Amino acid sequence: MTQERAWRKSSYSGGAEDGNCVEVSLGHDALVRDSKNPSGAVLSFSSTAWKNFLELR
C-alpha cells in the first residue's frame, strides 16, 4: 500500500535527503510516516481530518 504512493518530506527537514522528519502521501486519505523508518508504522487520516489539521496552523 505505502510503496505505491508518492511521498513528500516535510519542509521543516530543510530539504536534506538525510534530514529526519515526517513524510506525507496524499490521496483519498493522508498517510504520515517517519522519514528515518519509511517501512515502519504509518498513520492514516481521512481527508477531512487532514484538512482540519492543516487549518490549525
N, C-alpha and C. Protein backbone atom coordinates (compact mmCIF):
# COMPACT_ATOMS: atom_id res chain seq x y z
N MET A 1 0.82 -1.19 0.00
CA MET A 1 0.00 0.00 0.00
C MET A 1 0.86 1.25 0.00
N THR A 2 1.81 1.40 0.92
CA THR A 2 2.57 2.63 1.04
C THR A 2 3.66 2.77 -0.01
N GLN A 3 4.16 1.67 -0.59
CA GLN A 3 5.20 1.77 -1.60
C GLN A 3 4.68 2.33 -2.91
N GLU A 4 3.41 2.19 -3.20
CA GLU A 4 2.83 2.62 -4.46
C GLU A 4 2.52 4.11 -4.48
N ARG A 5 2.68 4.79 -3.39
CA ARG A 5 2.30 6.18 -3.28
C ARG A 5 3.52 7.09 -3.31
N ALA A 6 3.30 8.31 -3.77
CA ALA A 6 4.37 9.31 -3.76
C ALA A 6 4.43 9.94 -2.37
N TRP A 7 5.64 10.12 -1.85
CA TRP A 7 5.83 10.67 -0.51
C TRP A 7 6.57 11.99 -0.62
N ARG A 8 6.17 12.96 0.22
CA ARG A 8 6.84 14.25 0.29
C ARG A 8 7.36 14.44 1.70
N LYS A 9 8.60 14.90 1.79
CA LYS A 9 9.20 15.16 3.09
C LYS A 9 8.78 16.55 3.56
N SER A 10 8.61 16.71 4.85
CA SER A 10 8.23 17.98 5.44
C SER A 10 9.25 19.07 5.11
N SER A 11 8.78 20.27 4.87
CA SER A 11 9.68 21.39 4.60
C SER A 11 10.52 21.72 5.82
N TYR A 12 10.09 21.30 7.00
CA TYR A 12 10.85 21.54 8.23
C TYR A 12 12.13 20.71 8.28
N SER A 13 12.30 19.76 7.39
CA SER A 13 13.52 18.96 7.37
C SER A 13 14.65 19.70 6.66
N GLY A 14 14.35 20.86 6.10
CA GLY A 14 15.36 21.64 5.40
C GLY A 14 15.64 21.11 4.00
N GLY A 15 14.88 20.14 3.55
CA GLY A 15 15.05 19.60 2.21
C GLY A 15 16.20 18.63 2.07
N ALA A 16 16.95 18.41 3.13
CA ALA A 16 18.08 17.49 3.05
C ALA A 16 17.59 16.06 2.96
N GLU A 17 18.25 15.28 2.12
CA GLU A 17 17.87 13.86 1.96
C GLU A 17 18.00 13.10 3.26
N ASP A 18 19.01 13.45 4.08
CA ASP A 18 19.21 12.72 5.33
C ASP A 18 18.54 13.40 6.51
N GLY A 19 17.74 14.44 6.26
CA GLY A 19 17.03 15.12 7.34
C GLY A 19 15.98 14.21 7.94
N ASN A 20 15.93 14.15 9.25
CA ASN A 20 14.96 13.31 9.93
C ASN A 20 13.70 14.12 10.19
N CYS A 21 12.64 13.70 9.62
CA CYS A 21 11.39 14.43 9.74
C CYS A 21 10.25 13.47 9.41
N VAL A 22 9.11 14.02 9.06
CA VAL A 22 7.98 13.19 8.64
C VAL A 22 7.75 13.35 7.15
N GLU A 23 7.12 12.34 6.58
CA GLU A 23 6.74 12.37 5.17
C GLU A 23 5.24 12.16 5.09
N VAL A 24 4.63 12.75 4.07
CA VAL A 24 3.19 12.62 3.89
C VAL A 24 2.92 12.18 2.45
N SER A 25 1.91 11.36 2.31
CA SER A 25 1.43 10.92 1.00
C SER A 25 -0.07 11.23 0.94
N LEU A 26 -0.44 12.08 -0.01
CA LEU A 26 -1.84 12.49 -0.12
C LEU A 26 -2.53 11.75 -1.25
N GLY A 27 -3.70 11.28 -0.97
CA GLY A 27 -4.55 10.59 -1.94
C GLY A 27 -5.98 10.79 -1.49
N HIS A 28 -6.79 9.76 -1.48
CA HIS A 28 -8.13 9.87 -0.92
C HIS A 28 -8.07 10.00 0.60
N ASP A 29 -6.87 9.78 1.15
CA ASP A 29 -6.59 9.95 2.57
C ASP A 29 -5.20 10.56 2.69
N ALA A 30 -4.72 10.77 3.89
CA ALA A 30 -3.38 11.27 4.13
C ALA A 30 -2.63 10.25 4.97
N LEU A 31 -1.49 9.79 4.46
CA LEU A 31 -0.64 8.87 5.21
C LEU A 31 0.58 9.63 5.69
N VAL A 32 1.00 9.36 6.92
CA VAL A 32 2.15 10.04 7.51
C VAL A 32 3.08 8.97 8.06
N ARG A 33 4.40 9.14 7.79
CA ARG A 33 5.37 8.19 8.31
C ARG A 33 6.65 8.92 8.72
N ASP A 34 7.47 8.25 9.49
CA ASP A 34 8.75 8.76 9.94
C ASP A 34 9.77 8.57 8.82
N SER A 35 10.45 9.64 8.42
CA SER A 35 11.40 9.52 7.31
C SER A 35 12.60 8.66 7.66
N LYS A 36 12.91 8.50 8.96
CA LYS A 36 14.02 7.64 9.37
C LYS A 36 13.69 6.16 9.21
N ASN A 37 12.39 5.84 9.19
CA ASN A 37 11.95 4.46 9.14
C ASN A 37 10.76 4.33 8.18
N PRO A 38 11.00 4.51 6.88
CA PRO A 38 9.89 4.52 5.93
C PRO A 38 9.13 3.20 5.81
N SER A 39 9.71 2.11 6.24
CA SER A 39 9.00 0.83 6.17
C SER A 39 8.30 0.51 7.49
N GLY A 40 8.36 1.45 8.43
CA GLY A 40 7.73 1.24 9.73
C GLY A 40 6.26 1.63 9.73
N ALA A 41 5.79 2.01 10.89
CA ALA A 41 4.38 2.34 11.09
C ALA A 41 3.97 3.56 10.26
N VAL A 42 2.73 3.54 9.81
CA VAL A 42 2.15 4.63 9.03
C VAL A 42 0.84 5.03 9.69
N LEU A 43 0.67 6.33 9.89
CA LEU A 43 -0.59 6.85 10.41
C LEU A 43 -1.47 7.22 9.24
N SER A 44 -2.75 6.93 9.33
CA SER A 44 -3.70 7.23 8.27
C SER A 44 -4.76 8.19 8.79
N PHE A 45 -5.00 9.25 8.01
CA PHE A 45 -6.02 10.24 8.37
C PHE A 45 -6.98 10.40 7.20
N SER A 46 -8.24 10.61 7.51
CA SER A 46 -9.21 10.90 6.44
C SER A 46 -8.87 12.26 5.85
N SER A 47 -9.34 12.52 4.64
CA SER A 47 -9.07 13.81 4.02
C SER A 47 -9.65 14.96 4.84
N THR A 48 -10.79 14.73 5.47
CA THR A 48 -11.41 15.75 6.32
C THR A 48 -10.55 16.03 7.55
N ALA A 49 -10.06 14.99 8.20
CA ALA A 49 -9.21 15.16 9.37
C ALA A 49 -7.91 15.88 9.00
N TRP A 50 -7.32 15.53 7.85
CA TRP A 50 -6.08 16.17 7.42
C TRP A 50 -6.32 17.66 7.12
N LYS A 51 -7.42 17.97 6.48
CA LYS A 51 -7.76 19.37 6.19
C LYS A 51 -7.93 20.15 7.49
N ASN A 52 -8.62 19.57 8.46
CA ASN A 52 -8.81 20.23 9.75
C ASN A 52 -7.48 20.44 10.46
N PHE A 53 -6.58 19.48 10.37
CA PHE A 53 -5.26 19.60 10.97
C PHE A 53 -4.50 20.77 10.34
N LEU A 54 -4.52 20.87 9.03
CA LEU A 54 -3.80 21.95 8.35
C LEU A 54 -4.37 23.31 8.69
N GLU A 55 -5.65 23.38 8.94
CA GLU A 55 -6.27 24.65 9.28
C GLU A 55 -5.89 25.13 10.67
N LEU A 56 -5.34 24.26 11.52
CA LEU A 56 -4.92 24.63 12.87
C LEU A 56 -3.63 25.45 12.85
N ARG A 57 -2.90 25.40 11.77
CA ARG A 57 -1.61 26.08 11.71
C ARG A 57 -1.77 27.53 11.68
